[in-house]
Amino acid sequence: MDKNRQRDYARRVSQANRTELVVVTYEIILEELALAQKALASGEKEEARNSLKSAQKFLAALMSALDHKYTIARNLMSLYEYVQRILVASDVGGEDRGIASAVRVIDGLRVGFEGIVDSDDSGSVMENSQDVYAGLTYGRLGHNEMNLSDGSNRGFLA
């Protein structure tokens, strides 16, 4: 993933509530899987392996965040384990072993969570993060992000 995409995801995470954070995580996994498929198709096994490992890390984060006292968590865990098996098999085998199926599962979950984002009224998961307003100024190469907060209360509060 290139630096601009990483910066975009970091900005989105800093402003996200819990449900939006799950959606962003799904999007990152989907992007890494697309990169892995492209790399495998062109024979770039090391690049594919890096993308698959990255997707596995984000999937592991989703798995560890599940609250197993709810039935839906057990259902999600079985889907995550299915996707994990595909990613490990593709990584170890150095070839696409059902990544398209994993993409369908993750994309279906992403769509489902996007549908409930508006009902999540929890605040941003990151405290003391700056508000980001995009599109207020335009530069030579596109829009520039501009922070309109005064920057107080950032970092550690003493």
Protein backbone atom coordinates (compact mmCIF):
# COMPACT_ATOMS: atom_id res chain seq x y z
CA MET A 1 0.00 0.00 0.00
CA ASP A 2 1.43 3.38 -0.90
CA LYS A 3 2.06 6.23 1.55
CA ASN A 4 -0.91 8.33 0.38
CA ARG A 5 -3.33 5.46 1.04
CA GLN A 6 -1.77 4.87 4.46
CA ARG A 7 -2.16 8.56 5.30
CA ASP A 8 -5.78 8.49 4.15
CA TYR A 9 -6.55 5.45 6.30
CA ALA A 10 -4.77 7.02 9.30
CA ARG A 11 -6.91 10.15 8.94
CA ARG A 12 -10.09 8.09 8.69
CA VAL A 13 -9.15 5.99 11.72
CA SER A 14 -8.48 9.11 13.80
CA GLN A 15 -12.05 10.30 13.17
CA ALA A 16 -13.87 6.93 13.22
CA ASN A 17 -16.32 5.53 15.72
CA ARG A 18 -16.25 1.81 16.56
CA THR A 19 -18.32 0.67 13.57
CA GLU A 20 -16.48 2.92 11.12
CA LEU A 21 -13.23 1.47 12.43
CA VAL A 22 -14.41 -2.03 11.50
CA VAL A 23 -15.41 -0.80 8.02
CA VAL A 24 -11.99 0.82 7.52
CA THR A 25 -10.30 -2.41 8.62
CA TYR A 26 -12.34 -4.38 6.08
CA GLU A 27 -11.39 -1.88 3.36
CA ILE A 28 -7.69 -2.24 4.22
CA ILE A 29 -7.96 -6.03 4.06
CA LEU A 30 -9.73 -5.80 0.68
CA GLU A 31 -7.05 -3.49 -0.68
CA GLU A 32 -4.27 -5.79 0.52
CA LEU A 33 -6.01 -8.80 -1.03
CA ALA A 34 -6.34 -6.95 -4.36
CA LEU A 35 -2.62 -6.15 -4.23
CA ALA A 36 -1.84 -9.79 -3.43
CA GLN A 37 -3.94 -11.06 -6.35
CA LYS A 38 -2.25 -8.63 -8.72
CA ALA A 39 1.21 -9.58 -7.47
CA LEU A 40 0.50 -13.31 -7.73
CA ALA A 41 -0.83 -12.87 -11.27
CA SER A 42 2.37 -11.11 -12.30
CA GLY A 43 4.63 -13.60 -10.50
CA GLU A 44 5.82 -11.22 -7.79
CA LYS A 45 5.61 -13.71 -4.93
CA GLU A 46 7.44 -11.64 -2.31
CA GLU A 47 5.16 -8.64 -2.85
CA ALA A 48 2.13 -10.95 -2.72
CA ARG A 49 3.42 -12.49 0.48
CA ASN A 50 3.80 -9.04 2.08
CA SER A 51 0.24 -8.11 1.15
CA LEU A 52 -1.13 -11.42 2.42
CA LYS A 53 0.75 -11.02 5.71
CA SER A 54 -0.62 -7.51 6.10
CA ALA A 55 -4.17 -8.70 5.44
CA GLN A 56 -3.65 -11.48 8.01
CA LYS A 57 -2.55 -8.96 10.64
CA PHE A 58 -5.67 -6.84 10.15
CA LEU A 59 -7.84 -9.95 10.19
CA ALA A 60 -6.17 -11.04 13.44
CA ALA A 61 -7.00 -7.64 14.94
CA LEU A 62 -10.66 -8.15 14.04
CA MET A 63 -10.60 -11.65 15.52
CA SER A 64 -9.06 -10.48 18.79
CA ALA A 65 -11.62 -7.68 19.18
CA LEU A 66 -14.64 -10.02 19.16
CA ASP A 67 -16.71 -10.29 22.33
CA HIS A 68 -17.49 -14.00 22.48
CA LYS A 69 -20.44 -13.70 24.82
CA TYR A 70 -22.58 -12.82 21.78
CA THR A 71 -23.69 -15.36 19.16
CA ILE A 72 -22.83 -13.01 16.30
CA ALA A 73 -19.21 -13.01 17.47
CA ARG A 74 -19.01 -16.78 17.09
CA ASN A 75 -20.47 -16.48 13.57
CA LEU A 76 -18.00 -13.75 12.65
CA MET A 77 -15.15 -15.82 14.08
CA SER A 78 -15.99 -18.76 11.83
CA LEU A 79 -16.03 -16.44 8.79
CA TYR A 80 -12.72 -14.88 9.84
CA GLU A 81 -11.19 -18.34 10.34
CA TYR A 82 -12.33 -19.35 6.85
CA VAL A 83 -10.69 -16.27 5.34
CA GLN A 84 -7.57 -16.85 7.45
CA ARG A 85 -7.23 -20.41 6.11
CA ILE A 86 -7.42 -19.09 2.53
CA LEU A 87 -4.79 -16.43 3.21
CA VAL A 88 -2.41 -18.86 4.90
CA ALA A 89 -2.82 -21.42 2.09
CA SER A 90 -2.15 -18.73 -0.53
CA ASP A 91 0.84 -17.44 1.40
CA VAL A 92 2.41 -20.85 1.97
CA GLY A 93 1.62 -22.12 -1.53
CA GLY A 94 2.73 -18.94 -3.27
CA GLU A 95 -0.38 -19.00 -5.45
CA ASP A 96 -3.97 -17.81 -5.37
CA ARG A 97 -5.90 -20.44 -3.44
CA GLY A 98 -9.34 -18.87 -3.28
CA ILE A 99 -8.54 -15.24 -2.56
CA ALA A 100 -11.63 -14.24 -4.59
CA SER A 101 -13.76 -16.21 -2.12
CA ALA A 102 -12.11 -14.41 0.80
CA VAL A 103 -12.76 -11.09 -0.93
CA ARG A 104 -16.47 -11.95 -1.27
CA VAL A 105 -16.74 -12.77 2.44
CA ILE A 106 -14.93 -9.64 3.63
CA ASP A 107 -16.76 -7.40 1.16
CA GLY A 108 -20.12 -8.80 2.28
CA LEU A 109 -19.22 -8.04 5.89
CA ARG A 110 -18.03 -4.55 4.91
CA VAL A 111 -21.36 -3.81 3.23
CA GLY A 112 -23.23 -5.06 6.28
CA PHE A 113 -21.24 -2.91 8.69
CA GLU A 114 -21.53 0.13 6.40
CA GLY A 115 -25.29 -0.27 6.71
CA ILE A 116 -25.18 0.19 10.47
CA VAL A 117 -22.57 2.98 10.69
CA ASP A 118 -25.26 5.65 11.02
CA SER A 119 -26.88 3.89 13.97
CA ASP A 120 -23.62 3.88 15.97
CA ASP A 121 -23.72 7.03 18.05
CA SER A 122 -20.50 6.31 19.94
CA GLY A 123 -17.89 9.00 19.58
CA SER A 124 -14.52 8.77 17.95
CA VAL A 125 -12.44 5.90 19.30
CA MET A 126 -9.38 8.15 19.44
CA GLU A 127 -9.49 10.80 22.11
CA ASN A 128 -7.69 14.11 21.68
CA SER A 129 -7.44 13.76 17.91
CA GLN A 130 -7.69 16.80 15.73
CA ASP A 131 -10.68 17.43 13.51
CA VAL A 132 -9.86 17.16 9.82
CA TYR A 133 -11.64 19.20 7.19
CA ALA A 134 -10.83 18.32 3.62
CA GLY A 135 -11.50 20.28 0.48
CA LEU A 136 -11.40 23.72 2.05
CA THR A 137 -8.33 24.79 0.11
CA TYR A 138 -7.07 23.71 -3.26
CA GLY A 139 -3.47 23.39 -4.28
CA ARG A 140 -1.73 22.81 -7.56
CA LEU A 141 -2.12 19.02 -7.32
CA GLY A 142 -5.56 18.76 -5.67
CA HIS A 143 -7.16 19.62 -2.38
CA ASN A 144 -5.21 20.24 0.79
CA GLU A 145 -6.40 19.10 4.17
CA MET A 146 -6.67 21.85 6.71
CA ASN A 147 -7.05 21.59 10.47
CA LEU A 148 -9.33 24.21 11.97
CA SER A 149 -9.00 23.21 15.61
CA ASP A 150 -6.65 25.13 17.87
CA GLY A 151 -4.58 22.03 18.65
CA SER A 152 -5.22 22.13 22.38
CA ASN A 153 -5.69 18.91 24.32
CA ARG A 154 -3.49 16.89 22.00
CA GLY A 155 -1.40 14.09 23.37
CA PHE A 156 -1.11 13.47 27.07
CA LEU A 157 -3.15 15.54 29.45
CA ALA A 158 -1.29 16.46 32.62
